[in-house]
Amino acid sequence: MTRKLRGVKGKDAVKAFLKAGGELRHGKGDHINIKMPNGMIVTIPGTGELRIGLLQAAIKTVS
């Protein structure tokens, strides 16, 4: 059974990407940039809930 991506807050997504080996980079405003081990940079808004499409795109970028 697969888990559905719903109700993920920006701060929780940032914690998950950091736990997966990401390195915190500079950000602008409420956006947070994370450099992943494969060299890709993911930008996550730090406030509010992430929309499903944005979260899926971020996961696809780093995998």
N, C-alpha and C. Protein backbone atom coordinates (compact mmCIF):
# COMPACT_ATOMS: atom_id res chain seq x y z
N MET A 1 0.84 -1.17 0.00
CA MET A 1 0.00 0.00 0.00
C MET A 1 0.89 1.24 0.00
N THR A 2 0.64 2.17 -0.91
CA THR A 2 1.44 3.38 -0.98
C THR A 2 0.82 4.47 -0.12
N ARG A 3 1.68 5.31 0.41
CA ARG A 3 1.20 6.43 1.22
C ARG A 3 0.93 7.61 0.32
N LYS A 4 -0.10 8.36 0.62
CA LYS A 4 -0.44 9.53 -0.17
C LYS A 4 0.20 10.77 0.44
N LEU A 5 0.62 11.67 -0.41
CA LEU A 5 1.24 12.90 0.04
C LEU A 5 0.14 13.94 0.27
N ARG A 6 -0.18 14.17 1.52
CA ARG A 6 -1.21 15.16 1.84
C ARG A 6 -0.85 15.89 3.12
N GLY A 7 -1.16 17.15 3.14
CA GLY A 7 -1.01 17.92 4.35
C GLY A 7 0.41 18.05 4.84
N VAL A 8 1.39 18.10 3.93
CA VAL A 8 2.79 18.23 4.33
C VAL A 8 3.13 19.71 4.40
N LYS A 9 3.61 20.13 5.55
CA LYS A 9 4.01 21.53 5.72
C LYS A 9 5.42 21.72 5.19
N GLY A 10 5.74 22.94 4.82
CA GLY A 10 7.05 23.26 4.26
C GLY A 10 8.18 22.89 5.21
N LYS A 11 8.02 23.21 6.48
CA LYS A 11 9.07 22.92 7.46
C LYS A 11 9.28 21.42 7.62
N ASP A 12 8.20 20.64 7.54
CA ASP A 12 8.33 19.18 7.63
C ASP A 12 9.04 18.62 6.40
N ALA A 13 8.75 19.19 5.23
CA ALA A 13 9.42 18.74 4.01
C ALA A 13 10.91 19.06 4.07
N VAL A 14 11.25 20.23 4.59
CA VAL A 14 12.66 20.60 4.72
C VAL A 14 13.37 19.63 5.65
N LYS A 15 12.75 19.28 6.77
CA LYS A 15 13.35 18.31 7.70
C LYS A 15 13.58 16.97 7.02
N ALA A 16 12.62 16.54 6.19
CA ALA A 16 12.74 15.25 5.51
C ALA A 16 13.89 15.28 4.50
N PHE A 17 14.02 16.38 3.74
CA PHE A 17 15.11 16.48 2.77
C PHE A 17 16.47 16.56 3.47
N LEU A 18 16.54 17.23 4.61
CA LEU A 18 17.79 17.29 5.36
C LEU A 18 18.15 15.92 5.93
N LYS A 19 17.15 15.18 6.38
CA LYS A 19 17.38 13.84 6.91
C LYS A 19 17.85 12.89 5.81
N ALA A 20 17.43 13.16 4.57
CA ALA A 20 17.83 12.33 3.43
C ALA A 20 19.22 12.68 2.93
N GLY A 21 19.91 13.59 3.62
CA GLY A 21 21.29 13.90 3.25
C GLY A 21 21.49 15.27 2.64
N GLY A 22 20.44 16.08 2.61
CA GLY A 22 20.55 17.41 2.03
C GLY A 22 21.33 18.36 2.92
N GLU A 23 21.83 19.42 2.30
CA GLU A 23 22.61 20.43 3.02
C GLU A 23 21.90 21.77 2.86
N LEU A 24 21.63 22.44 3.97
CA LEU A 24 20.91 23.70 3.95
C LEU A 24 21.75 24.77 3.27
N ARG A 25 21.14 25.49 2.33
CA ARG A 25 21.78 26.59 1.62
C ARG A 25 21.05 27.88 1.93
N HIS A 26 21.49 28.94 1.29
CA HIS A 26 20.84 30.23 1.49
C HIS A 26 19.41 30.18 0.97
N GLY A 27 18.62 31.08 1.43
CA GLY A 27 17.24 31.18 0.96
C GLY A 27 16.89 32.64 0.78
N LYS A 28 15.76 32.89 0.18
CA LYS A 28 15.34 34.28 -0.01
C LYS A 28 13.89 34.37 0.43
N GLY A 29 13.63 35.26 1.36
CA GLY A 29 12.28 35.37 1.90
C GLY A 29 11.97 34.13 2.72
N ASP A 30 10.82 33.52 2.46
CA ASP A 30 10.44 32.33 3.21
C ASP A 30 10.81 31.05 2.48
N HIS A 31 11.54 31.16 1.36
CA HIS A 31 11.94 29.97 0.61
C HIS A 31 13.28 29.45 1.13
N ILE A 32 13.42 28.13 1.14
CA ILE A 32 14.62 27.48 1.67
C ILE A 32 15.22 26.62 0.56
N ASN A 33 16.51 26.80 0.31
CA ASN A 33 17.21 26.00 -0.69
C ASN A 33 17.99 24.89 -0.01
N ILE A 34 17.88 23.69 -0.56
CA ILE A 34 18.57 22.53 -0.02
C ILE A 34 19.36 21.88 -1.14
N LYS A 35 20.66 21.69 -0.93
CA LYS A 35 21.50 20.99 -1.91
C LYS A 35 21.55 19.53 -1.53
N MET A 36 21.14 18.68 -2.44
CA MET A 36 21.08 17.25 -2.20
C MET A 36 22.41 16.59 -2.57
N PRO A 37 22.67 15.37 -2.09
CA PRO A 37 23.94 14.69 -2.36
C PRO A 37 24.21 14.48 -3.85
N ASN A 38 23.18 14.42 -4.68
CA ASN A 38 23.39 14.24 -6.12
C ASN A 38 23.69 15.55 -6.83
N GLY A 39 23.79 16.66 -6.08
CA GLY A 39 24.14 17.96 -6.65
C GLY A 39 22.95 18.83 -7.01
N MET A 40 21.76 18.28 -6.98
CA MET A 40 20.56 19.05 -7.33
C MET A 40 20.17 19.96 -6.17
N ILE A 41 19.61 21.12 -6.51
CA ILE A 41 19.14 22.05 -5.49
C ILE A 41 17.62 22.10 -5.55
N VAL A 42 17.00 21.94 -4.39
CA VAL A 42 15.54 21.96 -4.27
C VAL A 42 15.15 23.20 -3.47
N THR A 43 14.17 23.93 -3.97
CA THR A 43 13.66 25.11 -3.27
C THR A 43 12.28 24.80 -2.72
N ILE A 44 12.13 24.97 -1.42
CA ILE A 44 10.88 24.66 -0.72
C ILE A 44 10.39 25.92 -0.02
N PRO A 45 9.11 26.28 -0.19
CA PRO A 45 8.58 27.39 0.60
C PRO A 45 8.49 26.98 2.07
N GLY A 46 8.95 27.85 2.96
CA GLY A 46 9.02 27.50 4.37
C GLY A 46 7.73 27.61 5.13
N THR A 47 6.74 28.28 4.58
CA THR A 47 5.49 28.47 5.31
C THR A 47 4.34 27.80 4.59
N GLY A 48 3.34 27.42 5.34
CA GLY A 48 2.13 26.83 4.76
C GLY A 48 2.31 25.40 4.30
N GLU A 49 1.21 24.85 3.78
CA GLU A 49 1.24 23.48 3.27
C GLU A 49 1.69 23.47 1.82
N LEU A 50 2.42 22.43 1.45
CA LEU A 50 2.86 22.28 0.07
C LEU A 50 1.77 21.62 -0.75
N ARG A 51 1.61 22.07 -1.96
CA ARG A 51 0.67 21.41 -2.85
C ARG A 51 1.30 20.11 -3.32
N ILE A 52 0.46 19.16 -3.66
CA ILE A 52 0.92 17.83 -4.02
C ILE A 52 1.87 17.87 -5.22
N GLY A 53 1.55 18.67 -6.23
CA GLY A 53 2.38 18.74 -7.43
C GLY A 53 3.77 19.26 -7.14
N LEU A 54 3.88 20.27 -6.27
CA LEU A 54 5.18 20.82 -5.91
C LEU A 54 6.01 19.80 -5.16
N LEU A 55 5.39 19.09 -4.24
CA LEU A 55 6.11 18.09 -3.47
C LEU A 55 6.56 16.93 -4.36
N GLN A 56 5.70 16.49 -5.27
CA GLN A 56 6.08 15.41 -6.19
C GLN A 56 7.23 15.85 -7.09
N ALA A 57 7.21 17.09 -7.56
CA ALA A 57 8.28 17.59 -8.41
C ALA A 57 9.60 17.65 -7.65
N ALA A 58 9.55 18.07 -6.38
CA ALA A 58 10.77 18.14 -5.57
C ALA A 58 11.34 16.75 -5.35
N ILE A 59 10.48 15.78 -5.07
CA ILE A 59 10.94 14.41 -4.85
C ILE A 59 11.52 13.84 -6.14
N LYS A 60 10.88 14.11 -7.27
CA LYS A 60 11.36 13.62 -8.57
C LYS A 60 12.72 14.24 -8.91
N THR A 61 12.92 15.50 -8.54
CA THR A 61 14.18 16.19 -8.82
C THR A 61 15.35 15.54 -8.10
N VAL A 62 15.15 15.14 -6.87
CA VAL A 62 16.26 14.61 -6.07
C VAL A 62 16.47 13.12 -6.24
N SER A 63 15.51 12.42 -6.81
CA SER A 63 15.68 10.97 -6.96
C SER A 63 16.20 10.59 -8.32
